[in-house]
Amino acid sequence: MPLKSDKEKQMQKKYLLEIGKKLMLQYGIKKTTVDDIVAEAKIAKGTFYLYFKSKEDFFYQLLVAINQNLFRLAEETVLKNLDKDIKSTIQKFLENLFDTPEIGFYFREHKEIDKLTEKFSAENYADTETGWIRKLLDFGNINTEKVIPEVIDNYIHVINLAKSSDLLIEEYREETVSRLIADLVDYIFMEDNQNE
């Protein structure tokens, strides 16, 4: 069998990550096994280990890829709408973001994700998230001395907790979440937070 080109290897790795993402979102990190992934991908188990050192390495790389994709989408949204009503665009983006399966998964599986990121990441995962948020604020010309990225990160976590908590009165959950998103957007776009 001929050796695969770098492009074919990248495509196969990407395919494994896509299969793993589907299974991870459906079953969670603990319940998804390497055997499940290779069976679904219809490849030999040894092929999996050509790309990933372990199940944990696989899931860590998958989580990083998901996060990068979410922030890339946010960046594109900001850059495409700088000359439009950016505030309402960001509000709509956040409302849609919080309905994605990936965000819901992050909050259901946060303990497992914390274990993975602690094991594999030299830097704190929260530092990475706030770095991406800071970059997005810079793109939007938002003053990061007044609009603190860590506060936005906390808001995001609170909104996700509100979406998934059994403590909320179900009948008012969506309205509560909408108000939290509106509060976050108001915080980001307070008039005096724009860079000169």
N, C-alpha and C. Protein backbone atom coordinates (compact mmCIF):
# COMPACT_ATOMS: atom_id res chain seq x y z
N MET A 1 0.85 -1.18 0.00
CA MET A 1 0.00 0.00 0.00
C MET A 1 0.89 1.25 0.00
N PRO A 2 0.66 2.18 -0.93
CA PRO A 2 1.52 3.37 -1.00
C PRO A 2 1.35 4.26 0.24
N LEU A 3 2.43 4.94 0.58
CA LEU A 3 2.39 5.86 1.71
C LEU A 3 1.46 7.02 1.38
N LYS A 4 0.79 7.52 2.40
CA LYS A 4 -0.13 8.64 2.20
C LYS A 4 0.64 9.95 2.13
N SER A 5 0.14 10.85 1.31
CA SER A 5 0.73 12.19 1.25
C SER A 5 0.35 12.96 2.51
N ASP A 6 1.05 14.07 2.74
CA ASP A 6 0.74 14.90 3.91
C ASP A 6 -0.72 15.37 3.87
N LYS A 7 -1.18 15.71 2.66
CA LYS A 7 -2.57 16.17 2.51
C LYS A 7 -3.55 15.06 2.88
N GLU A 8 -3.27 13.83 2.44
CA GLU A 8 -4.15 12.70 2.77
C GLU A 8 -4.14 12.42 4.27
N LYS A 9 -2.96 12.55 4.89
CA LYS A 9 -2.86 12.34 6.34
C LYS A 9 -3.68 13.39 7.08
N GLN A 10 -3.57 14.64 6.64
CA GLN A 10 -4.34 15.71 7.28
C GLN A 10 -5.84 15.48 7.13
N MET A 11 -6.24 15.01 5.95
CA MET A 11 -7.66 14.74 5.70
C MET A 11 -8.14 13.59 6.57
N GLN A 12 -7.30 12.55 6.73
CA GLN A 12 -7.71 11.42 7.56
C GLN A 12 -7.80 11.84 9.03
N LYS A 13 -6.85 12.65 9.49
CA LYS A 13 -6.90 13.14 10.87
C LYS A 13 -8.15 13.99 11.08
N LYS A 14 -8.43 14.86 10.13
CA LYS A 14 -9.63 15.71 10.22
C LYS A 14 -10.89 14.85 10.26
N TYR A 15 -10.93 13.81 9.44
CA TYR A 15 -12.08 12.89 9.42
C TYR A 15 -12.24 12.21 10.78
N LEU A 16 -11.15 11.76 11.37
CA LEU A 16 -11.22 11.12 12.70
C LEU A 16 -11.75 12.11 13.74
N LEU A 17 -11.31 13.36 13.66
CA LEU A 17 -11.79 14.37 14.59
C LEU A 17 -13.29 14.63 14.40
N GLU A 18 -13.74 14.63 13.15
CA GLU A 18 -15.18 14.82 12.89
C GLU A 18 -16.00 13.66 13.45
N ILE A 19 -15.53 12.44 13.24
CA ILE A 19 -16.23 11.25 13.78
C ILE A 19 -16.23 11.33 15.31
N GLY A 20 -15.07 11.63 15.87
CA GLY A 20 -14.96 11.72 17.33
C GLY A 20 -15.85 12.81 17.91
N LYS A 21 -15.96 13.93 17.20
CA LYS A 21 -16.82 15.02 17.67
C LYS A 21 -18.27 14.56 17.73
N LYS A 22 -18.71 13.90 16.67
CA LYS A 22 -20.09 13.41 16.64
C LYS A 22 -20.36 12.46 17.82
N LEU A 23 -19.44 11.52 18.05
CA LEU A 23 -19.61 10.56 19.14
C LEU A 23 -19.49 11.24 20.51
N MET A 24 -18.53 12.15 20.64
CA MET A 24 -18.33 12.85 21.90
C MET A 24 -19.56 13.67 22.28
N LEU A 25 -20.14 14.38 21.31
CA LEU A 25 -21.33 15.18 21.60
C LEU A 25 -22.51 14.29 21.98
N GLN A 26 -22.54 13.10 21.41
CA GLN A 26 -23.65 12.18 21.68
C GLN A 26 -23.48 11.44 23.01
N TYR A 27 -22.26 10.95 23.28
CA TYR A 27 -22.06 10.07 24.44
C TYR A 27 -21.22 10.66 25.56
N GLY A 28 -20.48 11.71 25.28
CA GLY A 28 -19.58 12.28 26.28
C GLY A 28 -18.18 11.73 26.15
N ILE A 29 -17.26 12.34 26.86
CA ILE A 29 -15.85 11.96 26.77
C ILE A 29 -15.59 10.60 27.38
N LYS A 30 -16.09 10.36 28.58
CA LYS A 30 -15.82 9.09 29.26
C LYS A 30 -16.37 7.89 28.50
N LYS A 31 -17.58 8.03 27.96
CA LYS A 31 -18.24 6.89 27.33
C LYS A 31 -17.81 6.63 25.90
N THR A 32 -17.15 7.59 25.26
CA THR A 32 -16.68 7.40 23.89
C THR A 32 -15.30 6.76 23.95
N THR A 33 -15.14 5.63 23.29
CA THR A 33 -13.87 4.91 23.31
C THR A 33 -13.17 5.01 21.96
N VAL A 34 -11.88 4.68 21.97
CA VAL A 34 -11.13 4.62 20.72
C VAL A 34 -11.76 3.57 19.81
N ASP A 35 -12.21 2.45 20.39
CA ASP A 35 -12.87 1.41 19.59
C ASP A 35 -14.11 1.97 18.89
N ASP A 36 -14.88 2.80 19.59
CA ASP A 36 -16.06 3.43 18.98
C ASP A 36 -15.66 4.30 17.79
N ILE A 37 -14.61 5.07 17.99
CA ILE A 37 -14.18 6.01 16.94
C ILE A 37 -13.69 5.26 15.71
N VAL A 38 -12.82 4.26 15.91
CA VAL A 38 -12.27 3.54 14.74
C VAL A 38 -13.34 2.70 14.06
N ALA A 39 -14.29 2.17 14.83
CA ALA A 39 -15.39 1.40 14.21
C ALA A 39 -16.24 2.32 13.33
N GLU A 40 -16.57 3.48 13.86
CA GLU A 40 -17.38 4.45 13.10
C GLU A 40 -16.62 4.96 11.87
N ALA A 41 -15.32 5.16 12.02
CA ALA A 41 -14.49 5.66 10.91
C ALA A 41 -14.10 4.55 9.93
N LYS A 42 -14.32 3.31 10.34
CA LYS A 42 -13.96 2.14 9.52
C LYS A 42 -12.46 2.13 9.17
N ILE A 43 -11.66 2.29 10.22
CA ILE A 43 -10.21 2.22 10.07
C ILE A 43 -9.66 1.27 11.13
N ALA A 44 -8.41 0.88 10.95
CA ALA A 44 -7.75 0.04 11.95
C ALA A 44 -7.36 0.88 13.16
N LYS A 45 -7.34 0.25 14.31
CA LYS A 45 -7.01 0.96 15.54
C LYS A 45 -5.60 1.56 15.47
N GLY A 46 -4.69 0.84 14.83
CA GLY A 46 -3.31 1.33 14.70
C GLY A 46 -3.24 2.64 13.94
N THR A 47 -4.15 2.83 12.99
CA THR A 47 -4.19 4.07 12.23
C THR A 47 -4.52 5.25 13.14
N PHE A 48 -5.43 5.02 14.07
CA PHE A 48 -5.78 6.06 15.05
C PHE A 48 -4.53 6.53 15.78
N TYR A 49 -3.70 5.57 16.20
CA TYR A 49 -2.52 5.91 16.99
C TYR A 49 -1.37 6.50 16.16
N LEU A 50 -1.52 6.53 14.85
CA LEU A 50 -0.57 7.28 14.03
C LEU A 50 -0.75 8.78 14.23
N TYR A 51 -1.98 9.17 14.60
CA TYR A 51 -2.31 10.60 14.71
C TYR A 51 -2.43 11.09 16.15
N PHE A 52 -2.74 10.17 17.06
CA PHE A 52 -3.00 10.57 18.45
C PHE A 52 -2.30 9.60 19.40
N LYS A 53 -1.69 10.14 20.46
CA LYS A 53 -0.95 9.32 21.41
C LYS A 53 -1.88 8.48 22.28
N SER A 54 -3.08 9.02 22.52
CA SER A 54 -4.02 8.35 23.43
C SER A 54 -5.42 8.91 23.20
N LYS A 55 -6.38 8.32 23.86
CA LYS A 55 -7.75 8.84 23.81
C LYS A 55 -7.78 10.26 24.35
N GLU A 56 -7.05 10.52 25.44
CA GLU A 56 -7.04 11.84 26.04
C GLU A 56 -6.42 12.88 25.10
N ASP A 57 -5.33 12.49 24.41
CA ASP A 57 -4.70 13.38 23.44
C ASP A 57 -5.69 13.70 22.31
N PHE A 58 -6.41 12.70 21.85
CA PHE A 58 -7.41 12.89 20.80
C PHE A 58 -8.46 13.91 21.24
N PHE A 59 -9.03 13.70 22.43
CA PHE A 59 -10.09 14.60 22.88
C PHE A 59 -9.57 16.00 23.16
N TYR A 60 -8.34 16.11 23.65
CA TYR A 60 -7.78 17.44 23.87
C TYR A 60 -7.65 18.17 22.53
N GLN A 61 -7.09 17.49 21.53
CA GLN A 61 -6.95 18.11 20.21
C GLN A 61 -8.32 18.47 19.61
N LEU A 62 -9.30 17.63 19.85
CA LEU A 62 -10.65 17.90 19.36
C LEU A 62 -11.24 19.14 20.03
N LEU A 63 -11.08 19.25 21.34
CA LEU A 63 -11.60 20.42 22.07
C LEU A 63 -10.92 21.71 21.61
N VAL A 64 -9.63 21.65 21.39
CA VAL A 64 -8.91 22.83 20.90
C VAL A 64 -9.45 23.22 19.52
N ALA A 65 -9.66 22.23 18.66
CA ALA A 65 -10.18 22.51 17.31
C ALA A 65 -11.58 23.11 17.36
N ILE A 66 -12.43 22.60 18.25
CA ILE A 66 -13.79 23.14 18.39
C ILE A 66 -13.72 24.59 18.87
N ASN A 67 -12.90 24.85 19.87
CA ASN A 67 -12.77 26.22 20.40
C ASN A 67 -12.24 27.16 19.33
N GLN A 68 -11.23 26.72 18.59
CA GLN A 68 -10.67 27.56 17.54
C GLN A 68 -11.74 27.88 16.49
N ASN A 69 -12.55 26.90 16.15
CA ASN A 69 -13.61 27.12 15.17
C ASN A 69 -14.65 28.11 15.68
N LEU A 70 -15.06 27.97 16.94
CA LEU A 70 -16.05 28.90 17.51
C LEU A 70 -15.52 30.33 17.53
N PHE A 71 -14.26 30.49 17.91
CA PHE A 71 -13.70 31.84 17.94
C PHE A 71 -13.44 32.37 16.53
N ARG A 72 -13.14 31.49 15.58
CA ARG A 72 -12.99 31.93 14.19
C ARG A 72 -14.32 32.47 13.67
N LEU A 73 -15.42 31.76 14.00
CA LEU A 73 -16.75 32.23 13.60
C LEU A 73 -17.07 33.59 14.23
N ALA A 74 -16.71 33.74 15.49
CA ALA A 74 -16.94 35.02 16.18
C ALA A 74 -16.11 36.12 15.52
N GLU A 75 -14.87 35.81 15.22
CA GLU A 75 -13.99 36.79 14.57
C GLU A 75 -14.55 37.21 13.21
N GLU A 76 -14.99 36.24 12.42
CA GLU A 76 -15.58 36.55 11.11
C GLU A 76 -16.81 37.43 11.26
N THR A 77 -17.64 37.12 12.27
CA THR A 77 -18.84 37.91 12.51
C THR A 77 -18.49 39.36 12.83
N VAL A 78 -17.51 39.53 13.71
CA VAL A 78 -17.09 40.89 14.08
C VAL A 78 -16.53 41.62 12.86
N LEU A 79 -15.61 40.99 12.15
CA LEU A 79 -14.95 41.65 11.02
C LEU A 79 -15.93 41.99 9.89
N LYS A 80 -16.90 41.13 9.64
CA LYS A 80 -17.87 41.37 8.57
C LYS A 80 -18.86 42.48 8.91
N ASN A 81 -19.01 42.78 10.19
CA ASN A 81 -20.07 43.70 10.60
C ASN A 81 -19.57 44.95 11.29
N LEU A 82 -18.30 45.27 11.14
CA LEU A 82 -17.76 46.46 11.80
C LEU A 82 -18.44 47.74 11.35
N ASP A 83 -18.88 47.78 10.11
CA ASP A 83 -19.51 49.00 9.61
C ASP A 83 -21.04 48.96 9.73
N LYS A 84 -21.57 47.93 10.37
CA LYS A 84 -23.01 47.79 10.54
C LYS A 84 -23.36 47.95 12.01
N ASP A 85 -24.56 47.55 12.37
CA ASP A 85 -24.99 47.60 13.77
C ASP A 85 -24.35 46.41 14.49
N ILE A 86 -23.11 46.61 14.90
CA ILE A 86 -22.32 45.53 15.49
C ILE A 86 -22.95 45.01 16.79
N LYS A 87 -23.57 45.89 17.55
CA LYS A 87 -24.16 45.48 18.83
C LYS A 87 -25.26 44.44 18.61
N SER A 88 -26.19 44.70 17.71
CA SER A 88 -27.28 43.74 17.48
C SER A 88 -26.76 42.48 16.79
N THR A 89 -25.73 42.63 15.96
CA THR A 89 -25.12 41.46 15.32
C THR A 89 -24.50 40.54 16.36
N ILE A 90 -23.78 41.12 17.31
CA ILE A 90 -23.14 40.32 18.37
C ILE A 90 -24.20 39.68 19.25
N GLN A 91 -25.27 40.40 19.56
CA GLN A 91 -26.33 39.82 20.37
C GLN A 91 -26.93 38.58 19.68
N LYS A 92 -27.21 38.69 18.40
CA LYS A 92 -27.77 37.57 17.63
C LYS A 92 -26.77 36.42 17.57
N PHE A 93 -25.49 36.76 17.35
CA PHE A 93 -24.45 35.73 17.31
C PHE A 93 -24.42 34.96 18.63
N LEU A 94 -24.43 35.69 19.75
CA LEU A 94 -24.38 35.03 21.07
C LEU A 94 -25.62 34.17 21.31
N GLU A 95 -26.79 34.68 20.93
CA GLU A 95 -28.01 33.89 21.10
C GLU A 95 -27.90 32.57 20.33
N ASN A 96 -27.39 32.63 19.11
CA ASN A 96 -27.21 31.42 18.31
C ASN A 96 -26.11 30.53 18.89
N LEU A 97 -25.03 31.14 19.35
CA LEU A 97 -23.90 30.39 19.90
C LEU A 97 -24.33 29.53 21.08
N PHE A 98 -25.14 30.11 21.96
CA PHE A 98 -25.53 29.38 23.16
C PHE A 98 -26.51 28.24 22.87
N ASP A 99 -26.99 28.16 21.64
CA ASP A 99 -27.85 27.05 21.24
C ASP A 99 -27.09 25.95 20.50
N THR A 100 -25.76 26.10 20.34
CA THR A 100 -25.00 25.08 19.63
C THR A 100 -24.76 23.87 20.53
N PRO A 101 -24.69 22.68 19.95
CA PRO A 101 -24.42 21.48 20.75
C PRO A 101 -23.05 21.55 21.43
N GLU A 102 -22.07 22.21 20.79
CA GLU A 102 -20.73 22.28 21.36
C GLU A 102 -20.72 23.04 22.69
N ILE A 103 -21.43 24.15 22.73
CA ILE A 103 -21.46 24.94 23.97
C ILE A 103 -22.18 24.19 25.08
N GLY A 104 -23.30 23.57 24.74
CA GLY A 104 -24.00 22.75 25.73
C GLY A 104 -23.12 21.63 26.24
N PHE A 105 -22.38 21.01 25.34
CA PHE A 105 -21.47 19.93 25.72
C PHE A 105 -20.40 20.43 26.68
N TYR A 106 -19.80 21.59 26.39
CA TYR A 106 -18.76 22.12 27.26
C TYR A 106 -19.22 22.23 28.70
N PHE A 107 -20.45 22.60 28.88
CA PHE A 107 -20.90 22.80 30.24
C PHE A 107 -21.39 21.52 30.90
N ARG A 108 -21.85 20.57 30.12
CA ARG A 108 -22.18 19.26 30.69
C ARG A 108 -20.91 18.51 31.10
N GLU A 109 -19.85 18.69 30.33
CA GLU A 109 -18.63 17.91 30.50
C GLU A 109 -17.46 18.73 31.06
N HIS A 110 -17.76 19.85 31.71
CA HIS A 110 -16.68 20.76 32.11
C HIS A 110 -15.64 20.10 33.00
N LYS A 111 -16.04 19.15 33.85
CA LYS A 111 -15.06 18.50 34.74
C LYS A 111 -14.08 17.65 33.93
N GLU A 112 -14.59 16.91 32.97
CA GLU A 112 -13.71 16.10 32.11
C GLU A 112 -12.82 16.99 31.26
N ILE A 113 -13.37 18.08 30.75
CA ILE A 113 -12.59 19.01 29.94
C ILE A 113 -11.49 19.64 30.78
N ASP A 114 -11.81 20.01 32.03
CA ASP A 114 -10.79 20.57 32.92
C ASP A 114 -9.65 19.59 33.14
N LYS A 115 -9.97 18.31 33.32
CA LYS A 115 -8.93 17.29 33.51
C LYS A 115 -8.02 17.20 32.29
N LEU A 116 -8.63 17.19 31.11
CA LEU A 116 -7.84 17.10 29.88
C LEU A 116 -6.95 18.32 29.69
N THR A 117 -7.51 19.48 29.88
CA THR A 117 -6.73 20.70 29.64
C THR A 117 -5.62 20.85 30.68
N GLU A 118 -5.88 20.39 31.91
CA GLU A 118 -4.85 20.44 32.93
C GLU A 118 -3.70 19.51 32.57
N LYS A 119 -4.03 18.36 32.00
CA LYS A 119 -3.02 17.36 31.65
C LYS A 119 -2.21 17.78 30.41
N PHE A 120 -2.85 18.37 29.42
CA PHE A 120 -2.20 18.60 28.14
C PHE A 120 -1.79 20.03 27.87
N SER A 121 -2.36 20.97 28.58
CA SER A 121 -2.10 22.36 28.25
C SER A 121 -1.07 22.95 29.20
N ALA A 122 -0.03 23.53 28.62
CA ALA A 122 0.98 24.19 29.44
C ALA A 122 0.41 25.47 30.04
N GLU A 123 -0.54 26.05 29.33
CA GLU A 123 -1.18 27.26 29.86
C GLU A 123 -2.60 26.92 30.28
N ASN A 124 -3.12 27.70 31.16
CA ASN A 124 -4.49 27.51 31.64
C ASN A 124 -5.47 27.72 30.50
N TYR A 125 -6.44 26.81 30.38
CA TYR A 125 -7.44 26.90 29.31
C TYR A 125 -8.23 28.20 29.40
N ALA A 126 -8.53 28.62 30.62
CA ALA A 126 -9.25 29.88 30.82
C ALA A 126 -8.43 31.06 30.28
N ASP A 127 -7.11 31.00 30.43
CA ASP A 127 -6.25 32.05 29.88
C ASP A 127 -6.36 32.09 28.36
N THR A 128 -6.45 30.91 27.75
CA THR A 128 -6.61 30.83 26.29
C THR A 128 -7.93 31.46 25.87
N GLU A 129 -9.01 31.11 26.59
CA GLU A 129 -10.33 31.67 26.27
C GLU A 129 -10.32 33.18 26.40
N THR A 130 -9.78 33.69 27.49
CA THR A 130 -9.79 35.14 27.68
C THR A 130 -8.87 35.82 26.66
N GLY A 131 -7.81 35.14 26.22
CA GLY A 131 -6.97 35.69 25.16
C GLY A 131 -7.74 35.85 23.87
N TRP A 132 -8.56 34.85 23.53
CA TRP A 132 -9.40 34.94 22.32
C TRP A 132 -10.43 36.06 22.46
N ILE A 133 -11.02 36.16 23.65
CA ILE A 133 -12.01 37.22 23.89
C ILE A 133 -11.35 38.59 23.75
N ARG A 134 -10.16 38.73 24.31
CA ARG A 134 -9.42 40.00 24.20
C ARG A 134 -9.18 40.35 22.73
N LYS A 135 -8.81 39.35 21.93
CA LYS A 135 -8.56 39.57 20.51
C LYS A 135 -9.84 40.03 19.81
N LEU A 136 -10.97 39.41 20.13
CA LEU A 136 -12.24 39.80 19.53
C LEU A 136 -12.61 41.24 19.92
N LEU A 137 -12.38 41.58 21.17
CA LEU A 137 -12.67 42.95 21.62
C LEU A 137 -11.79 43.95 20.88
N ASP A 138 -10.52 43.58 20.69
CA ASP A 138 -9.62 44.46 19.93
C ASP A 138 -10.12 44.66 18.50
N PHE A 139 -10.58 43.58 17.86
CA PHE A 139 -11.13 43.70 16.50
C PHE A 139 -12.30 44.68 16.48
N GLY A 140 -13.12 44.63 17.52
CA GLY A 140 -14.29 45.50 17.59
C GLY A 140 -13.98 46.88 18.14
N ASN A 141 -12.68 47.15 18.38
CA ASN A 141 -12.24 48.44 18.90
C ASN A 141 -12.85 48.75 20.27
N ILE A 142 -12.96 47.69 21.09
CA ILE A 142 -13.50 47.84 22.44
C ILE A 142 -12.34 47.98 23.43
N ASN A 143 -12.45 48.92 24.33
CA ASN A 143 -11.41 49.19 25.31
C ASN A 143 -11.37 48.07 26.36
N THR A 144 -10.30 47.25 26.31
CA THR A 144 -10.20 46.10 27.22
C THR A 144 -9.72 46.48 28.62
N GLU A 145 -9.51 47.76 28.85
CA GLU A 145 -9.26 48.20 30.22
C GLU A 145 -10.60 48.43 30.94
N LYS A 146 -11.63 48.72 30.16
CA LYS A 146 -12.97 48.94 30.74
C LYS A 146 -13.86 47.73 30.59
N VAL A 147 -13.73 47.02 29.49
CA VAL A 147 -14.49 45.79 29.26
C VAL A 147 -13.51 44.64 29.47
N ILE A 148 -13.62 44.00 30.60
CA ILE A 148 -12.62 43.02 31.03
C ILE A 148 -12.94 41.65 30.44
N PRO A 149 -12.01 41.07 29.66
CA PRO A 149 -12.25 39.76 29.04
C PRO A 149 -12.63 38.66 30.03
N GLU A 150 -12.03 38.70 31.21
CA GLU A 150 -12.36 37.68 32.22
C GLU A 150 -13.81 37.80 32.69
N VAL A 151 -14.34 39.03 32.73
CA VAL A 151 -15.75 39.22 33.09
C VAL A 151 -16.64 38.64 31.99
N ILE A 152 -16.26 38.85 30.74
CA ILE A 152 -17.03 38.29 29.63
C ILE A 152 -17.00 36.77 29.69
N ASP A 153 -15.83 36.20 29.96
CA ASP A 153 -15.70 34.74 30.10
C ASP A 153 -16.63 34.24 31.22
N ASN A 154 -16.66 34.94 32.34
CA ASN A 154 -17.55 34.56 33.44
C ASN A 154 -19.02 34.66 33.01
N TYR A 155 -19.35 35.72 32.30
CA TYR A 155 -20.72 35.87 31.79
C TYR A 155 -21.11 34.65 30.94
N ILE A 156 -20.20 34.26 30.05
CA ILE A 156 -20.46 33.11 29.17
C ILE A 156 -20.74 31.86 30.00
N HIS A 157 -19.97 31.66 31.05
CA HIS A 157 -20.18 30.49 31.91
C HIS A 157 -21.51 30.59 32.66
N VAL A 158 -21.85 31.78 33.14
CA VAL A 158 -23.12 31.97 33.85
C VAL A 158 -24.30 31.72 32.90
N ILE A 159 -24.21 32.20 31.68
CA ILE A 159 -25.29 31.99 30.71
C ILE A 159 -25.46 30.51 30.43
N ASN A 160 -24.36 29.80 30.26
CA ASN A 160 -24.46 28.36 30.02
C ASN A 160 -25.00 27.61 31.21
N LEU A 161 -24.62 28.03 32.40
CA LEU A 161 -25.19 27.41 33.60
C LEU A 161 -26.69 27.66 33.66
N ALA A 162 -27.11 28.86 33.30
CA ALA A 162 -28.54 29.18 33.29
C ALA A 162 -29.28 28.31 32.28
N LYS A 163 -28.65 28.05 31.14
CA LYS A 163 -29.30 27.22 30.12
C LYS A 163 -29.46 25.77 30.57
N SER A 164 -28.57 25.31 31.45
CA SER A 164 -28.58 23.89 31.79
C SER A 164 -28.97 23.58 33.24
N SER A 165 -29.15 24.58 34.06
CA SER A 165 -29.41 24.35 35.48
C SER A 165 -30.85 23.89 35.75
N ASP A 166 -30.97 22.93 36.63
CA ASP A 166 -32.28 22.48 37.09
C ASP A 166 -32.87 23.45 38.11
N LEU A 167 -32.08 24.40 38.56
CA LEU A 167 -32.54 25.34 39.58
C LEU A 167 -33.45 26.43 39.02
N LEU A 168 -33.36 26.66 37.72
CA LEU A 168 -34.18 27.71 37.12
C LEU A 168 -35.62 27.22 36.90
N ILE A 169 -36.55 28.14 36.99
CA ILE A 169 -37.95 27.82 36.70
C ILE A 169 -38.05 27.68 35.18
N GLU A 170 -38.37 26.50 34.72
CA GLU A 170 -38.31 26.16 33.30
C GLU A 170 -39.08 27.14 32.43
N GLU A 171 -40.25 27.53 32.89
CA GLU A 171 -41.12 28.43 32.13
C GLU A 171 -40.44 29.77 31.79
N TYR A 172 -39.47 30.18 32.62
CA TYR A 172 -38.82 31.48 32.44
C TYR A 172 -37.34 31.35 32.05
N ARG A 173 -36.90 30.15 31.77
CA ARG A 173 -35.49 29.92 31.44
C ARG A 173 -35.05 30.73 30.21
N GLU A 174 -35.76 30.62 29.11
CA GLU A 174 -35.34 31.31 27.88
C GLU A 174 -35.33 32.82 28.05
N GLU A 175 -36.33 33.36 28.74
CA GLU A 175 -36.34 34.80 28.98
C GLU A 175 -35.15 35.21 29.85
N THR A 176 -34.85 34.41 30.86
CA THR A 176 -33.70 34.70 31.73
C THR A 176 -32.41 34.68 30.93
N VAL A 177 -32.24 33.67 30.09
CA VAL A 177 -31.03 33.56 29.27
C VAL A 177 -30.94 34.75 28.31
N SER A 178 -32.06 35.11 27.68
CA SER A 178 -32.06 36.26 26.77
C SER A 178 -31.65 37.54 27.48
N ARG A 179 -32.13 37.71 28.70
CA ARG A 179 -31.78 38.92 29.47
C ARG A 179 -30.30 38.91 29.85
N LEU A 180 -29.77 37.74 30.19
CA LEU A 180 -28.34 37.65 30.50
C LEU A 180 -27.49 37.99 29.28
N ILE A 181 -27.89 37.50 28.12
CA ILE A 181 -27.16 37.81 26.89
C ILE A 181 -27.24 39.31 26.60
N ALA A 182 -28.42 39.89 26.77
CA ALA A 182 -28.58 41.33 26.55
C ALA A 182 -27.71 42.13 27.52
N ASP A 183 -27.64 41.68 28.79
CA ASP A 183 -26.77 42.34 29.77
C ASP A 183 -25.31 42.26 29.36
N LEU A 184 -24.89 41.09 28.86
CA LEU A 184 -23.51 40.92 28.41
C LEU A 184 -23.21 41.87 27.25
N VAL A 185 -24.11 41.94 26.29
CA VAL A 185 -23.91 42.83 25.14
C VAL A 185 -23.88 44.28 25.60
N ASP A 186 -24.76 44.66 26.52
CA ASP A 186 -24.74 46.03 27.06
C ASP A 186 -23.41 46.32 27.75
N TYR A 187 -22.89 45.35 28.48
CA TYR A 187 -21.60 45.52 29.15
C TYR A 187 -20.50 45.77 28.11
N ILE A 188 -20.50 44.99 27.05
CA ILE A 188 -19.47 45.11 26.02
C ILE A 188 -19.55 46.46 25.31
N PHE A 189 -20.77 46.93 25.06
CA PHE A 189 -20.95 48.10 24.20
C PHE A 189 -21.36 49.37 24.95
N MET A 190 -21.05 49.45 26.24
CA MET A 190 -21.29 50.71 26.93
C MET A 190 -20.55 51.82 26.18
N GLU A 191 -21.20 52.94 26.02
CA GLU A 191 -20.67 54.03 25.17
C GLU A 191 -19.22 54.40 25.49
N ASP A 192 -18.90 54.43 26.75
CA ASP A 192 -17.53 54.88 27.11
C ASP A 192 -16.49 53.76 26.99
N ASN A 193 -16.87 52.59 26.46
CA ASN A 193 -15.92 51.50 26.33
C ASN A 193 -15.24 51.45 24.96
N GLN A 194 -15.64 52.33 24.06
CA GLN A 194 -15.03 52.35 22.73
C GLN A 194 -13.66 53.00 22.82
N ASN A 195 -12.69 52.41 22.12
CA ASN A 195 -11.36 53.02 22.05
C ASN A 195 -11.46 54.30 21.21
N GLU A 196 -10.69 55.26 21.56
CA GLU A 196 -10.68 56.53 20.81
C GLU A 196 -9.91 56.36 19.52
